[in-house]
Amino acid sequence: MKTSVSAPASDLWVMPGRALIASSGKHLLPKRSGAYYFVGVVDGPLGCSPPCWR
């Protein structure tokens, strides 16, 4: 199986065979809609995961 790699725009669906890598200074925030998953791209401090942004 081939794998495609990309730096996604916001709200890109997560699919088998697709590797998503955040651009520099960005974070991927996984979201769910029913049985499907997608990622949002957000700005955030380096070395910090979403719970510490609050």
PDB file of N, CA and C in Angstrom:
ATOM      1  N   MET A   1       0.842  -1.171   0.000  1.00  0.00           N
ATOM      2  CA  MET A   1       0.000   0.000   0.000  1.00  0.00           C
ATOM      3  C   MET A   1       0.888   1.235   0.000  1.00  0.00           C
ATOM      4  N   LYS A   2       0.563   2.202  -0.846  1.00  0.00           N
ATOM      5  CA  LYS A   2       1.306   3.448  -0.896  1.00  0.00           C
ATOM      6  C   LYS A   2       0.757   4.416   0.139  1.00  0.00           C
ATOM      7  N   THR A   3       1.632   5.270   0.627  1.00  0.00           N
ATOM      8  CA  THR A   3       1.235   6.281   1.600  1.00  0.00           C
ATOM      9  C   THR A   3       1.501   7.652   1.013  1.00  0.00           C
ATOM     10  N   SER A   4       0.492   8.512   1.061  1.00  0.00           N
ATOM     11  CA  SER A   4       0.707   9.893   0.633  1.00  0.00           C
ATOM     12  C   SER A   4       0.951  10.742   1.873  1.00  0.00           C
ATOM     13  N   VAL A   5       1.858  11.702   1.747  1.00  0.00           N
ATOM     14  CA  VAL A   5       2.215  12.571   2.865  1.00  0.00           C
ATOM     15  C   VAL A   5       1.896  14.000   2.466  1.00  0.00           C
ATOM     16  N   SER A   6       1.228  14.731   3.372  1.00  0.00           N
ATOM     17  CA  SER A   6       0.913  16.125   3.069  1.00  0.00           C
ATOM     18  C   SER A   6       0.846  16.957   4.340  1.00  0.00           C
ATOM     19  N   ALA A   7       1.002  18.263   4.165  1.00  0.00           N
ATOM     20  CA  ALA A   7       0.773  19.221   5.242  1.00  0.00           C
ATOM     21  C   ALA A   7      -0.646  19.740   4.993  1.00  0.00           C
ATOM     22  N   PRO A   8      -1.610  19.280   5.767  1.00  0.00           N
ATOM     23  CA  PRO A   8      -3.010  19.526   5.434  1.00  0.00           C
ATOM     24  C   PRO A   8      -3.486  20.944   5.687  1.00  0.00           C
ATOM     25  N   ALA A   9      -4.516  21.303   4.952  1.00  0.00           N
ATOM     26  CA  ALA A   9      -5.294  22.495   5.270  1.00  0.00           C
ATOM     27  C   ALA A   9      -6.296  22.069   6.335  1.00  0.00           C
ATOM     28  N   SER A  10      -6.984  22.982   6.913  1.00  0.00           N
ATOM     29  CA  SER A  10      -7.932  22.651   7.973  1.00  0.00           C
ATOM     30  C   SER A  10      -9.073  21.786   7.448  1.00  0.00           C
ATOM     31  N   ASP A  11      -9.583  20.926   8.304  1.00  0.00           N
ATOM     32  CA  ASP A  11     -10.722  20.054   8.023  1.00  0.00           C
ATOM     33  C   ASP A  11     -10.472  19.044   6.903  1.00  0.00           C
ATOM     34  N   LEU A  12      -9.301  18.417   6.919  1.00  0.00           N
ATOM     35  CA  LEU A  12      -8.982  17.361   5.962  1.00  0.00           C
ATOM     36  C   LEU A  12      -9.333  16.019   6.591  1.00  0.00           C
ATOM     37  N   TRP A  13     -10.040  15.168   5.856  1.00  0.00           N
ATOM     38  CA  TRP A  13     -10.461  13.865   6.365  1.00  0.00           C
ATOM     39  C   TRP A  13      -9.260  12.954   6.556  1.00  0.00           C
ATOM     40  N   VAL A  14      -9.276  12.176   7.627  1.00  0.00           N
ATOM     41  CA  VAL A  14      -8.237  11.183   7.901  1.00  0.00           C
ATOM     42  C   VAL A  14      -8.644   9.900   7.185  1.00  0.00           C
ATOM     43  N   MET A  15      -7.730   9.372   6.370  1.00  0.00           N
ATOM     44  CA  MET A  15      -8.024   8.182   5.574  1.00  0.00           C
ATOM     45  C   MET A  15      -6.845   7.219   5.653  1.00  0.00           C
ATOM     46  N   PRO A  16      -7.095   5.914   5.476  1.00  0.00           N
ATOM     47  CA  PRO A  16      -5.987   4.954   5.451  1.00  0.00           C
ATOM     48  C   PRO A  16      -5.016   5.300   4.325  1.00  0.00           C
ATOM     49  N   GLY A  17      -3.719   5.184   4.601  1.00  0.00           N
ATOM     50  CA  GLY A  17      -2.713   5.452   3.584  1.00  0.00           C
ATOM     51  C   GLY A  17      -2.356   6.919   3.451  1.00  0.00           C
ATOM     52  N   ARG A  18      -2.839   7.770   4.327  1.00  0.00           N
ATOM     53  CA  ARG A  18      -2.534   9.204   4.276  1.00  0.00           C
ATOM     54  C   ARG A  18      -1.829   9.613   5.558  1.00  0.00           C
ATOM     55  N   ALA A  19      -0.614  10.143   5.435  1.00  0.00           N
ATOM     56  CA  ALA A  19       0.133  10.646   6.588  1.00  0.00           C
ATOM     57  C   ALA A  19       0.014  12.161   6.602  1.00  0.00           C
ATOM     58  N   LEU A  20      -0.397  12.720   7.716  1.00  0.00           N
ATOM     59  CA  LEU A  20      -0.569  14.166   7.847  1.00  0.00           C
ATOM     60  C   LEU A  20       0.490  14.721   8.786  1.00  0.00           C
ATOM     61  N   ILE A  21       1.210  15.720   8.335  1.00  0.00           N
ATOM     62  CA  ILE A  21       2.281  16.322   9.118  1.00  0.00           C
ATOM     63  C   ILE A  21       1.996  17.805   9.223  1.00  0.00           C
ATOM     64  N   ALA A  22       2.009  18.330  10.442  1.00  0.00           N
ATOM     65  CA  ALA A  22       1.749  19.757  10.649  1.00  0.00           C
ATOM     66  C   ALA A  22       2.931  20.586  10.160  1.00  0.00           C
ATOM     67  N   SER A  23       2.627  21.728   9.549  1.00  0.00           N
ATOM     68  CA  SER A  23       3.663  22.669   9.130  1.00  0.00           C
ATOM     69  C   SER A  23       4.313  23.286  10.362  1.00  0.00           C
ATOM     70  N   SER A  24       5.436  23.923  10.174  1.00  0.00           N
ATOM     71  CA  SER A  24       6.157  24.556  11.272  1.00  0.00           C
ATOM     72  C   SER A  24       5.278  25.576  11.997  1.00  0.00           C
ATOM     73  N   GLY A  25       5.222  25.478  13.323  1.00  0.00           N
ATOM     74  CA  GLY A  25       4.438  26.404  14.126  1.00  0.00           C
ATOM     75  C   GLY A  25       2.955  26.090  14.176  1.00  0.00           C
ATOM     76  N   LYS A  26       2.546  24.940  13.634  1.00  0.00           N
ATOM     77  CA  LYS A  26       1.132  24.539  13.608  1.00  0.00           C
ATOM     78  C   LYS A  26       0.946  23.236  14.366  1.00  0.00           C
ATOM     79  N   HIS A  27      -0.273  22.959  14.753  1.00  0.00           N
ATOM     80  CA  HIS A  27      -0.638  21.707  15.416  1.00  0.00           C
ATOM     81  C   HIS A  27      -1.853  21.120  14.709  1.00  0.00           C
ATOM     82  N   LEU A  28      -1.926  19.798  14.665  1.00  0.00           N
ATOM     83  CA  LEU A  28      -3.104  19.109  14.126  1.00  0.00           C
ATOM     84  C   LEU A  28      -4.023  18.777  15.291  1.00  0.00           C
ATOM     85  N   LEU A  29      -5.261  19.155  15.182  1.00  0.00           N
ATOM     86  CA  LEU A  29      -6.240  18.909  16.222  1.00  0.00           C
ATOM     87  C   LEU A  29      -7.277  17.925  15.681  1.00  0.00           C
ATOM     88  N   PRO A  30      -7.242  16.658  16.140  1.00  0.00           N
ATOM     89  CA  PRO A  30      -8.185  15.669  15.616  1.00  0.00           C
ATOM     90  C   PRO A  30      -9.611  15.971  16.065  1.00  0.00           C
ATOM     91  N   LYS A  31     -10.552  15.759  15.148  1.00  0.00           N
ATOM     92  CA  LYS A  31     -11.971  15.957  15.429  1.00  0.00           C
ATOM     93  C   LYS A  31     -12.738  14.762  14.880  1.00  0.00           C
ATOM     94  N   ARG A  32     -13.951  14.570  15.351  1.00  0.00           N
ATOM     95  CA  ARG A  32     -14.771  13.450  14.897  1.00  0.00           C
ATOM     96  C   ARG A  32     -16.134  13.951  14.475  1.00  0.00           C
ATOM     97  N   SER A  33     -16.633  13.373  13.400  1.00  0.00           N
ATOM     98  CA  SER A  33     -17.978  13.669  12.917  1.00  0.00           C
ATOM     99  C   SER A  33     -18.633  12.334  12.576  1.00  0.00           C
ATOM    100  N   GLY A  34     -19.465  11.829  13.482  1.00  0.00           N
ATOM    101  CA  GLY A  34     -20.072  10.512  13.280  1.00  0.00           C
ATOM    102  C   GLY A  34     -18.992   9.445  13.286  1.00  0.00           C
ATOM    103  N   ALA A  35     -18.899   8.676  12.196  1.00  0.00           N
ATOM    104  CA  ALA A  35     -17.917   7.601  12.102  1.00  0.00           C
ATOM    105  C   ALA A  35     -16.618   8.069  11.452  1.00  0.00           C
ATOM    106  N   TYR A  36     -16.518   9.352  11.102  1.00  0.00           N
ATOM    107  CA  TYR A  36     -15.362   9.866  10.378  1.00  0.00           C
ATOM    108  C   TYR A  36     -14.511  10.767  11.258  1.00  0.00           C
ATOM    109  N   TYR A  37     -13.219  10.805  10.948  1.00  0.00           N
ATOM    110  CA  TYR A  37     -12.284  11.671  11.652  1.00  0.00           C
ATOM    111  C   TYR A  37     -11.685  12.653  10.664  1.00  0.00           C
ATOM    112  N   PHE A  38     -11.416  13.853  11.130  1.00  0.00           N
ATOM    113  CA  PHE A  38     -10.718  14.838  10.329  1.00  0.00           C
ATOM    114  C   PHE A  38      -9.834  15.659  11.255  1.00  0.00           C
ATOM    115  N   VAL A  39      -8.937  16.456  10.671  1.00  0.00           N
ATOM    116  CA  VAL A  39      -8.028  17.257  11.484  1.00  0.00           C
ATOM    117  C   VAL A  39      -8.247  18.734  11.197  1.00  0.00           C
ATOM    118  N   GLY A  40      -8.117  19.506  12.245  1.00  0.00           N
ATOM    119  CA  GLY A  40      -8.078  20.956  12.110  1.00  0.00           C
ATOM    120  C   GLY A  40      -6.636  21.382  12.278  1.00  0.00           C
ATOM    121  N   VAL A  41      -6.246  22.460  11.634  1.00  0.00           N
ATOM    122  CA  VAL A  41      -4.895  22.988  11.764  1.00  0.00           C
ATOM    123  C   VAL A  41      -4.990  24.280  12.565  1.00  0.00           C
ATOM    124  N   VAL A  42      -4.266  24.343  13.686  1.00  0.00           N
ATOM    125  CA  VAL A  42      -4.343  25.506  14.572  1.00  0.00           C
ATOM    126  C   VAL A  42      -2.934  25.973  14.941  1.00  0.00           C
ATOM    127  N   ASP A  43      -2.815  27.260  15.264  1.00  0.00           N
ATOM    128  CA  ASP A  43      -1.564  27.807  15.786  1.00  0.00           C
ATOM    129  C   ASP A  43      -1.474  27.459  17.257  1.00  0.00           C
ATOM    130  N   GLY A  44      -0.263  27.314  17.757  1.00  0.00           N
ATOM    131  CA  GLY A  44      -0.100  27.039  19.174  1.00  0.00           C
ATOM    132  C   GLY A  44       1.350  27.134  19.570  1.00  0.00           C
ATOM    133  N   PRO A  45       1.621  27.260  20.853  1.00  0.00           N
ATOM    134  CA  PRO A  45       2.997  27.355  21.313  1.00  0.00           C
ATOM    135  C   PRO A  45       3.775  26.055  21.075  1.00  0.00           C
ATOM    136  N   LEU A  46       5.076  26.173  20.875  1.00  0.00           N
ATOM    137  CA  LEU A  46       5.904  24.993  20.654  1.00  0.00           C
ATOM    138  C   LEU A  46       5.971  24.138  21.906  1.00  0.00           C
ATOM    139  N   GLY A  47       6.002  22.831  21.731  1.00  0.00           N
ATOM    140  CA  GLY A  47       6.153  21.900  22.842  1.00  0.00           C
ATOM    141  C   GLY A  47       4.950  21.815  23.749  1.00  0.00           C
ATOM    142  N   CYS A  48       3.784  22.126  23.218  1.00  0.00           N
ATOM    143  CA  CYS A  48       2.574  22.159  24.047  1.00  0.00           C
ATOM    144  C   CYS A  48       1.435  21.500  23.283  1.00  0.00           C
ATOM    145  N   SER A  49       0.729  20.601  23.928  1.00  0.00           N
ATOM    146  CA  SER A  49      -0.430  19.979  23.291  1.00  0.00           C
ATOM    147  C   SER A  49      -1.693  20.767  23.652  1.00  0.00           C
ATOM    148  N   PRO A  50      -2.796  20.574  22.927  1.00  0.00           N
ATOM    149  CA  PRO A  50      -4.004  21.398  23.108  1.00  0.00           C
ATOM    150  C   PRO A  50      -4.496  21.628  24.525  1.00  0.00           C
ATOM    151  N   PRO A  51      -4.446  20.682  25.464  1.00  0.00           N
ATOM    152  CA  PRO A  51      -4.982  20.995  26.791  1.00  0.00           C
ATOM    153  C   PRO A  51      -4.307  22.167  27.504  1.00  0.00           C
ATOM    154  N   CYS A  52      -3.043  22.449  27.203  1.00  0.00           N
ATOM    155  CA  CYS A  52      -2.366  23.554  27.911  1.00  0.00           C
ATOM    156  C   CYS A  52      -2.632  24.898  27.249  1.00  0.00           C
ATOM    157  N   TRP A  53      -3.386  24.941  26.140  1.00  0.00           N
ATOM    158  CA  TRP A  53      -3.710  26.212  25.493  1.00  0.00           C
ATOM    159  C   TRP A  53      -4.771  26.974  26.240  1.00  0.00           C
ATOM    160  N   ARG A  54      -5.513  26.306  27.086  1.00  0.00           N
ATOM    161  CA  ARG A  54      -6.648  26.941  27.766  1.00  0.00           C
ATOM    162  C   ARG A  54      -6.199  27.814  28.897  1.00  0.00           C
TER     163      ARG A  54
END
